[in-house]
Amino acid sequence: MAELRKLLPPIASGFLFGMGLTVSGMTDPQRVRGFLDLFGDWDPTLAFVMGGAVLVMAVAWRVQARMTKPVFGEKFALPDQTDLDPRLIAGGALFGIGGMIVALPVAAFVVVLLEDVWGLNLRGDPGQAETLVSDSHPPEPAAEPPAEPS
């Protein structure tokens, strides 16, 4: 039971995070590319998703500051130093540069991998057998068959 108490929060958090990415469209490579295309056909919708995440975290930080101990643990695992070392800065820079070059974040990579390997339809593409999350856009209507000559 103690092991379940340790594993349940990260599993639930990961599931909630993944569903949030999927529902918000952050797993759609075209939407992410559109957001990163600042000088072309820029799509600002992901900025609202990120803004929502910042608001949720701001509330969570305020709540955590008032707590004496976490709900699912003995103590908070917070960093105890505030200085940044060169390895951390270089790693963050490389990650950001790599993401901008490829324009395909990890979440989109995982979705493509799951769709191609397991055949799951995470983005609600019409015509796929298994749909886990439906797309907000209805499928295109099927073309009408040609009229029979009389």
N, C-alpha and C. Protein backbone atom coordinates (compact mmCIF):
# COMPACT_ATOMS: atom_id res chain seq x y z
N MET A 1 0.82 -1.20 0.00
CA MET A 1 0.00 0.00 0.00
C MET A 1 0.86 1.26 0.00
N ALA A 2 2.00 1.19 0.70
CA ALA A 2 2.90 2.35 0.74
C ALA A 2 3.48 2.62 -0.65
N GLU A 3 3.74 1.54 -1.42
CA GLU A 3 4.29 1.68 -2.77
C GLU A 3 3.25 2.34 -3.68
N LEU A 4 1.98 1.97 -3.54
CA LEU A 4 0.92 2.57 -4.34
C LEU A 4 0.79 4.05 -4.01
N ARG A 5 0.92 4.38 -2.74
CA ARG A 5 0.83 5.78 -2.32
C ARG A 5 1.96 6.61 -2.93
N LYS A 6 3.11 5.99 -3.18
CA LYS A 6 4.22 6.69 -3.82
C LYS A 6 4.03 6.80 -5.34
N LEU A 7 3.48 5.77 -5.95
CA LEU A 7 3.38 5.72 -7.41
C LEU A 7 2.15 6.42 -7.97
N LEU A 8 1.06 6.46 -7.23
CA LEU A 8 -0.19 7.02 -7.74
C LEU A 8 -0.09 8.50 -8.12
N PRO A 9 0.48 9.37 -7.29
CA PRO A 9 0.54 10.79 -7.69
C PRO A 9 1.32 11.05 -8.98
N PRO A 10 2.52 10.47 -9.18
CA PRO A 10 3.19 10.76 -10.45
C PRO A 10 2.46 10.17 -11.66
N ILE A 11 1.83 9.02 -11.50
CA ILE A 11 1.08 8.42 -12.61
C ILE A 11 -0.13 9.30 -12.94
N ALA A 12 -0.86 9.73 -11.92
CA ALA A 12 -2.02 10.59 -12.15
C ALA A 12 -1.60 11.94 -12.74
N SER A 13 -0.50 12.49 -12.24
CA SER A 13 -0.01 13.77 -12.77
C SER A 13 0.41 13.64 -14.23
N GLY A 14 1.11 12.58 -14.56
CA GLY A 14 1.53 12.36 -15.94
C GLY A 14 0.35 12.17 -16.86
N PHE A 15 -0.65 11.44 -16.41
CA PHE A 15 -1.85 11.23 -17.22
C PHE A 15 -2.57 12.55 -17.44
N LEU A 16 -2.74 13.34 -16.38
CA LEU A 16 -3.41 14.64 -16.49
C LEU A 16 -2.62 15.58 -17.41
N PHE A 17 -1.30 15.59 -17.28
CA PHE A 17 -0.46 16.41 -18.13
C PHE A 17 -0.61 16.00 -19.60
N GLY A 18 -0.55 14.70 -19.87
CA GLY A 18 -0.70 14.21 -21.24
C GLY A 18 -2.05 14.54 -21.83
N MET A 19 -3.10 14.39 -21.04
CA MET A 19 -4.43 14.73 -21.53
C MET A 19 -4.55 16.23 -21.81
N GLY A 20 -3.93 17.04 -20.95
CA GLY A 20 -3.94 18.48 -21.18
C GLY A 20 -3.24 18.85 -22.48
N LEU A 21 -2.10 18.21 -22.74
CA LEU A 21 -1.39 18.45 -24.00
C LEU A 21 -2.24 18.05 -25.20
N THR A 22 -2.91 16.92 -25.09
CA THR A 22 -3.71 16.41 -26.20
C THR A 22 -4.92 17.29 -26.44
N VAL A 23 -5.65 17.63 -25.39
CA VAL A 23 -6.87 18.43 -25.54
C VAL A 23 -6.53 19.83 -26.04
N SER A 24 -5.42 20.40 -25.60
CA SER A 24 -5.06 21.76 -26.00
C SER A 24 -4.47 21.83 -27.40
N GLY A 25 -4.16 20.70 -27.99
CA GLY A 25 -3.60 20.69 -29.34
C GLY A 25 -2.09 20.78 -29.38
N MET A 26 -1.43 20.70 -28.24
CA MET A 26 0.03 20.82 -28.23
C MET A 26 0.71 19.56 -28.75
N THR A 27 -0.03 18.52 -29.05
CA THR A 27 0.55 17.32 -29.65
C THR A 27 0.43 17.34 -31.17
N ASP A 28 -0.20 18.36 -31.71
CA ASP A 28 -0.35 18.49 -33.15
C ASP A 28 0.88 19.20 -33.72
N PRO A 29 1.71 18.49 -34.48
CA PRO A 29 2.94 19.10 -34.99
C PRO A 29 2.68 20.36 -35.82
N GLN A 30 1.60 20.39 -36.58
CA GLN A 30 1.31 21.56 -37.41
C GLN A 30 0.99 22.79 -36.54
N ARG A 31 0.27 22.58 -35.47
CA ARG A 31 -0.06 23.70 -34.58
C ARG A 31 1.20 24.22 -33.90
N VAL A 32 2.06 23.32 -33.47
CA VAL A 32 3.32 23.73 -32.82
C VAL A 32 4.20 24.46 -33.82
N ARG A 33 4.29 23.95 -35.04
CA ARG A 33 5.09 24.64 -36.07
C ARG A 33 4.52 26.02 -36.34
N GLY A 34 3.18 26.13 -36.38
CA GLY A 34 2.55 27.42 -36.60
C GLY A 34 2.86 28.40 -35.47
N PHE A 35 2.95 27.90 -34.26
CA PHE A 35 3.28 28.76 -33.12
C PHE A 35 4.74 29.23 -33.21
N LEU A 36 5.61 28.37 -33.68
CA LEU A 36 7.03 28.72 -33.77
C LEU A 36 7.35 29.56 -35.00
N ASP A 37 6.42 29.66 -35.94
CA ASP A 37 6.63 30.43 -37.17
C ASP A 37 6.26 31.90 -36.91
N LEU A 38 7.14 32.61 -36.22
CA LEU A 38 6.85 33.99 -35.80
C LEU A 38 6.74 34.97 -36.97
N PHE A 39 7.47 34.73 -38.04
CA PHE A 39 7.49 35.69 -39.14
C PHE A 39 6.66 35.23 -40.34
N GLY A 40 5.95 34.14 -40.20
CA GLY A 40 5.10 33.64 -41.28
C GLY A 40 3.65 33.68 -40.85
N ASP A 41 2.99 32.55 -40.94
CA ASP A 41 1.58 32.42 -40.55
C ASP A 41 1.53 31.99 -39.08
N TRP A 42 1.76 32.94 -38.18
CA TRP A 42 1.88 32.66 -36.75
C TRP A 42 0.54 32.26 -36.15
N ASP A 43 0.53 31.20 -35.34
CA ASP A 43 -0.66 30.71 -34.65
C ASP A 43 -0.46 30.94 -33.15
N PRO A 44 -1.11 31.94 -32.55
CA PRO A 44 -0.86 32.28 -31.14
C PRO A 44 -1.62 31.43 -30.13
N THR A 45 -2.37 30.43 -30.55
CA THR A 45 -3.23 29.71 -29.61
C THR A 45 -2.44 29.01 -28.50
N LEU A 46 -1.25 28.52 -28.78
CA LEU A 46 -0.48 27.84 -27.74
C LEU A 46 0.02 28.80 -26.67
N ALA A 47 0.10 30.08 -26.98
CA ALA A 47 0.47 31.06 -25.96
C ALA A 47 -0.59 31.09 -24.86
N PHE A 48 -1.85 30.93 -25.22
CA PHE A 48 -2.92 30.89 -24.23
C PHE A 48 -2.83 29.63 -23.37
N VAL A 49 -2.44 28.52 -23.98
CA VAL A 49 -2.25 27.27 -23.23
C VAL A 49 -1.13 27.46 -22.21
N MET A 50 -0.02 28.04 -22.65
CA MET A 50 1.10 28.27 -21.73
C MET A 50 0.72 29.26 -20.64
N GLY A 51 -0.03 30.29 -21.00
CA GLY A 51 -0.49 31.26 -20.00
C GLY A 51 -1.38 30.60 -18.96
N GLY A 52 -2.25 29.70 -19.39
CA GLY A 52 -3.09 28.96 -18.44
C GLY A 52 -2.26 28.11 -17.50
N ALA A 53 -1.20 27.49 -18.02
CA ALA A 53 -0.32 26.67 -17.18
C ALA A 53 0.40 27.54 -16.15
N VAL A 54 0.81 28.73 -16.54
CA VAL A 54 1.48 29.64 -15.61
C VAL A 54 0.52 30.05 -14.49
N LEU A 55 -0.73 30.32 -14.83
CA LEU A 55 -1.71 30.69 -13.81
C LEU A 55 -1.96 29.55 -12.82
N VAL A 56 -2.09 28.33 -13.33
CA VAL A 56 -2.29 27.18 -12.44
C VAL A 56 -1.10 27.00 -11.52
N MET A 57 0.11 27.13 -12.05
CA MET A 57 1.30 26.97 -11.21
C MET A 57 1.44 28.10 -10.20
N ALA A 58 1.03 29.31 -10.54
CA ALA A 58 1.08 30.42 -9.59
C ALA A 58 0.20 30.12 -8.38
N VAL A 59 -0.97 29.57 -8.63
CA VAL A 59 -1.86 29.19 -7.52
C VAL A 59 -1.24 28.04 -6.73
N ALA A 60 -0.67 27.06 -7.43
CA ALA A 60 -0.06 25.91 -6.74
C ALA A 60 1.10 26.35 -5.85
N TRP A 61 1.91 27.29 -6.30
CA TRP A 61 3.03 27.77 -5.48
C TRP A 61 2.52 28.48 -4.22
N ARG A 62 1.44 29.23 -4.36
CA ARG A 62 0.87 29.92 -3.19
C ARG A 62 0.32 28.91 -2.18
N VAL A 63 -0.34 27.88 -2.68
CA VAL A 63 -0.89 26.84 -1.79
C VAL A 63 0.26 26.08 -1.12
N GLN A 64 1.28 25.72 -1.87
CA GLN A 64 2.41 24.96 -1.32
C GLN A 64 3.14 25.75 -0.25
N ALA A 65 3.24 27.05 -0.42
CA ALA A 65 3.95 27.88 0.56
C ALA A 65 3.26 27.85 1.92
N ARG A 66 1.97 27.60 1.95
CA ARG A 66 1.21 27.56 3.21
C ARG A 66 1.15 26.17 3.84
N MET A 67 1.59 25.17 3.11
CA MET A 67 1.52 23.79 3.61
C MET A 67 2.76 23.47 4.44
N THR A 68 2.58 22.72 5.50
CA THR A 68 3.73 22.32 6.32
C THR A 68 4.35 21.03 5.80
N LYS A 69 3.53 20.18 5.18
CA LYS A 69 4.05 18.93 4.61
C LYS A 69 3.18 18.55 3.42
N PRO A 70 3.76 17.85 2.44
CA PRO A 70 2.97 17.47 1.26
C PRO A 70 1.93 16.40 1.58
N VAL A 71 0.93 16.30 0.72
CA VAL A 71 -0.14 15.32 0.92
C VAL A 71 0.39 13.90 0.73
N PHE A 72 1.24 13.68 -0.27
CA PHE A 72 1.72 12.35 -0.59
C PHE A 72 3.21 12.19 -0.31
N GLY A 73 3.68 12.64 0.80
CA GLY A 73 5.10 12.50 1.12
C GLY A 73 5.43 13.00 2.51
N GLU A 74 6.65 12.77 2.89
CA GLU A 74 7.10 13.19 4.22
C GLU A 74 7.57 14.63 4.24
N LYS A 75 8.25 15.05 3.15
CA LYS A 75 8.74 16.42 3.08
C LYS A 75 8.77 16.87 1.62
N PHE A 76 8.80 18.18 1.42
CA PHE A 76 8.88 18.72 0.08
C PHE A 76 10.29 18.54 -0.47
N ALA A 77 10.41 18.20 -1.74
CA ALA A 77 11.71 18.05 -2.39
C ALA A 77 11.95 19.29 -3.26
N LEU A 78 12.32 20.37 -2.60
CA LEU A 78 12.55 21.63 -3.29
C LEU A 78 14.05 21.88 -3.38
N PRO A 79 14.50 22.58 -4.43
CA PRO A 79 15.94 22.86 -4.52
C PRO A 79 16.38 23.76 -3.36
N ASP A 80 17.59 23.52 -2.89
CA ASP A 80 18.07 24.30 -1.76
C ASP A 80 19.11 25.33 -2.15
N GLN A 81 19.36 25.49 -3.44
CA GLN A 81 20.28 26.53 -3.88
C GLN A 81 19.68 27.28 -5.06
N THR A 82 20.08 28.51 -5.22
CA THR A 82 19.49 29.33 -6.27
C THR A 82 20.46 29.68 -7.39
N ASP A 83 21.73 29.28 -7.26
CA ASP A 83 22.69 29.62 -8.30
C ASP A 83 22.58 28.66 -9.48
N LEU A 84 22.81 29.19 -10.65
CA LEU A 84 22.76 28.40 -11.87
C LEU A 84 24.18 28.05 -12.28
N ASP A 85 24.40 26.79 -12.63
CA ASP A 85 25.74 26.42 -13.08
C ASP A 85 25.78 26.38 -14.61
N PRO A 86 26.95 26.46 -15.19
CA PRO A 86 27.08 26.50 -16.66
C PRO A 86 26.48 25.27 -17.35
N ARG A 87 26.55 24.10 -16.73
CA ARG A 87 25.98 22.90 -17.36
C ARG A 87 24.46 23.02 -17.50
N LEU A 88 23.80 23.58 -16.49
CA LEU A 88 22.35 23.74 -16.55
C LEU A 88 21.97 24.74 -17.65
N ILE A 89 22.66 25.83 -17.73
CA ILE A 89 22.38 26.84 -18.74
C ILE A 89 22.65 26.29 -20.14
N ALA A 90 23.77 25.60 -20.33
CA ALA A 90 24.11 25.03 -21.63
C ALA A 90 23.09 23.96 -22.03
N GLY A 91 22.69 23.12 -21.10
CA GLY A 91 21.70 22.08 -21.40
C GLY A 91 20.37 22.68 -21.80
N GLY A 92 19.92 23.70 -21.09
CA GLY A 92 18.67 24.37 -21.44
C GLY A 92 18.74 25.03 -22.80
N ALA A 93 19.89 25.65 -23.09
CA ALA A 93 20.06 26.30 -24.40
C ALA A 93 20.05 25.27 -25.52
N LEU A 94 20.76 24.15 -25.34
CA LEU A 94 20.78 23.11 -26.37
C LEU A 94 19.39 22.52 -26.59
N PHE A 95 18.66 22.30 -25.51
CA PHE A 95 17.30 21.77 -25.63
C PHE A 95 16.41 22.74 -26.41
N GLY A 96 16.49 24.02 -26.09
CA GLY A 96 15.68 25.03 -26.78
C GLY A 96 16.05 25.17 -28.24
N ILE A 97 17.34 25.18 -28.53
CA ILE A 97 17.80 25.31 -29.92
C ILE A 97 17.37 24.08 -30.71
N GLY A 98 17.54 22.90 -30.13
CA GLY A 98 17.12 21.67 -30.81
C GLY A 98 15.63 21.66 -31.09
N GLY A 99 14.84 22.12 -30.15
CA GLY A 99 13.39 22.18 -30.35
C GLY A 99 13.01 23.16 -31.44
N MET A 100 13.71 24.29 -31.51
CA MET A 100 13.40 25.26 -32.55
C MET A 100 13.81 24.76 -33.94
N ILE A 101 14.93 24.04 -33.99
CA ILE A 101 15.39 23.53 -35.28
C ILE A 101 14.44 22.46 -35.80
N VAL A 102 14.07 21.54 -34.95
CA VAL A 102 13.22 20.43 -35.37
C VAL A 102 11.76 20.84 -35.41
N ALA A 103 11.35 21.75 -34.51
CA ALA A 103 9.96 22.21 -34.41
C ALA A 103 9.00 21.06 -34.17
N LEU A 104 9.45 20.06 -33.46
CA LEU A 104 8.61 18.92 -33.13
C LEU A 104 8.90 18.55 -31.68
N PRO A 105 8.13 19.07 -30.71
CA PRO A 105 8.44 18.82 -29.31
C PRO A 105 8.25 17.35 -28.94
N VAL A 106 8.71 17.04 -27.76
CA VAL A 106 8.68 15.66 -27.29
C VAL A 106 7.25 15.11 -27.27
N ALA A 107 6.29 15.91 -26.86
CA ALA A 107 4.90 15.44 -26.80
C ALA A 107 4.41 15.02 -28.18
N ALA A 108 4.71 15.83 -29.19
CA ALA A 108 4.29 15.48 -30.54
C ALA A 108 5.01 14.22 -31.02
N PHE A 109 6.28 14.07 -30.65
CA PHE A 109 7.03 12.87 -31.01
C PHE A 109 6.38 11.63 -30.42
N VAL A 110 5.98 11.70 -29.16
CA VAL A 110 5.35 10.56 -28.49
C VAL A 110 4.03 10.23 -29.17
N VAL A 111 3.25 11.24 -29.52
CA VAL A 111 1.97 10.99 -30.19
C VAL A 111 2.19 10.31 -31.53
N VAL A 112 3.14 10.82 -32.31
CA VAL A 112 3.42 10.21 -33.61
C VAL A 112 3.89 8.77 -33.42
N LEU A 113 4.73 8.54 -32.42
CA LEU A 113 5.21 7.19 -32.14
C LEU A 113 4.05 6.27 -31.77
N LEU A 114 3.16 6.70 -30.90
CA LEU A 114 2.02 5.88 -30.49
C LEU A 114 1.09 5.61 -31.67
N GLU A 115 0.89 6.62 -32.51
CA GLU A 115 -0.01 6.43 -33.65
C GLU A 115 0.60 5.48 -34.68
N ASP A 116 1.88 5.64 -34.96
CA ASP A 116 2.51 4.81 -35.98
C ASP A 116 2.78 3.39 -35.50
N VAL A 117 3.22 3.25 -34.24
CA VAL A 117 3.59 1.93 -33.74
C VAL A 117 2.37 1.15 -33.27
N TRP A 118 1.52 1.80 -32.48
CA TRP A 118 0.37 1.09 -31.90
C TRP A 118 -0.92 1.30 -32.68
N GLY A 119 -0.92 2.20 -33.64
CA GLY A 119 -2.11 2.43 -34.45
C GLY A 119 -3.21 3.18 -33.72
N LEU A 120 -2.86 3.89 -32.64
CA LEU A 120 -3.87 4.66 -31.91
C LEU A 120 -4.13 5.98 -32.62
N ASN A 121 -5.34 6.47 -32.51
CA ASN A 121 -5.71 7.73 -33.14
C ASN A 121 -5.89 8.77 -32.03
N LEU A 122 -4.82 9.41 -31.62
CA LEU A 122 -4.86 10.35 -30.51
C LEU A 122 -5.38 11.72 -30.90
N ARG A 123 -5.27 12.07 -32.17
CA ARG A 123 -5.67 13.40 -32.61
C ARG A 123 -7.04 13.42 -33.26
N GLY A 124 -7.74 12.33 -33.29
CA GLY A 124 -9.08 12.31 -33.85
C GLY A 124 -9.11 12.38 -35.37
N ASP A 125 -8.09 11.85 -36.04
CA ASP A 125 -8.09 11.86 -37.50
C ASP A 125 -9.22 10.98 -38.01
N PRO A 126 -10.06 11.48 -38.92
CA PRO A 126 -11.15 10.67 -39.44
C PRO A 126 -10.62 9.45 -40.18
N GLY A 127 -11.37 8.37 -40.12
CA GLY A 127 -11.01 7.18 -40.85
C GLY A 127 -10.15 6.21 -40.06
N GLN A 128 -9.71 6.59 -38.87
CA GLN A 128 -8.91 5.69 -38.05
C GLN A 128 -9.85 4.90 -37.14
N ALA A 129 -9.48 3.70 -36.81
CA ALA A 129 -10.36 2.81 -36.07
C ALA A 129 -10.52 3.22 -34.61
N GLU A 130 -9.43 3.45 -33.92
CA GLU A 130 -9.50 3.71 -32.48
C GLU A 130 -9.22 5.18 -32.22
N THR A 131 -10.21 5.91 -31.70
CA THR A 131 -10.03 7.31 -31.37
C THR A 131 -10.10 7.45 -29.86
N LEU A 132 -9.02 7.97 -29.25
CA LEU A 132 -9.00 8.17 -27.81
C LEU A 132 -9.51 9.55 -27.44
N VAL A 133 -9.18 10.55 -28.20
CA VAL A 133 -9.62 11.92 -27.94
C VAL A 133 -10.12 12.47 -29.27
N SER A 134 -11.39 12.89 -29.29
CA SER A 134 -11.94 13.36 -30.56
C SER A 134 -11.46 14.77 -30.85
N ASP A 135 -11.33 15.08 -32.11
CA ASP A 135 -10.91 16.40 -32.55
C ASP A 135 -12.10 17.34 -32.47
N SER A 136 -11.85 18.61 -32.26
CA SER A 136 -12.95 19.57 -32.18
C SER A 136 -13.51 19.89 -33.56
N HIS A 137 -12.79 19.52 -34.61
CA HIS A 137 -13.27 19.78 -35.95
C HIS A 137 -13.96 18.54 -36.49
N PRO A 138 -15.19 18.69 -37.03
CA PRO A 138 -15.87 17.52 -37.58
C PRO A 138 -15.15 17.04 -38.84
N PRO A 139 -15.26 15.75 -39.14
CA PRO A 139 -14.61 15.23 -40.35
C PRO A 139 -15.22 15.82 -41.60
N GLU A 140 -14.43 15.87 -42.64
CA GLU A 140 -14.92 16.36 -43.93
C GLU A 140 -16.02 15.42 -44.43
N PRO A 141 -17.08 15.97 -45.02
CA PRO A 141 -18.12 15.08 -45.55
C PRO A 141 -17.58 14.26 -46.71
N ALA A 142 -18.06 13.06 -46.81
CA ALA A 142 -17.63 12.16 -47.89
C ALA A 142 -18.14 12.68 -49.22
N ALA A 143 -17.35 12.49 -50.25
CA ALA A 143 -17.76 12.92 -51.58
C ALA A 143 -18.96 12.10 -52.03
N GLU A 144 -19.89 12.77 -52.68
CA GLU A 144 -21.09 12.09 -53.14
C GLU A 144 -20.72 11.22 -54.35
N PRO A 145 -21.30 10.00 -54.39
CA PRO A 145 -21.01 9.17 -55.56
C PRO A 145 -21.59 9.79 -56.83
N PRO A 146 -20.96 9.52 -57.97
CA PRO A 146 -21.49 10.11 -59.22
C PRO A 146 -22.89 9.60 -59.49
N ALA A 147 -23.68 10.47 -60.07
CA ALA A 147 -25.07 10.11 -60.40
C ALA A 147 -25.07 9.06 -61.51
N GLU A 148 -26.01 8.12 -61.37
CA GLU A 148 -26.09 7.07 -62.37
C GLU A 148 -26.81 7.61 -63.61
N PRO A 149 -26.29 7.27 -64.79
CA PRO A 149 -26.96 7.76 -66.01
C PRO A 149 -28.33 7.11 -66.14
N SER A 150 -29.30 7.90 -66.66
CA SER A 150 -30.64 7.33 -66.80
C SER A 150 -30.96 6.96 -68.22
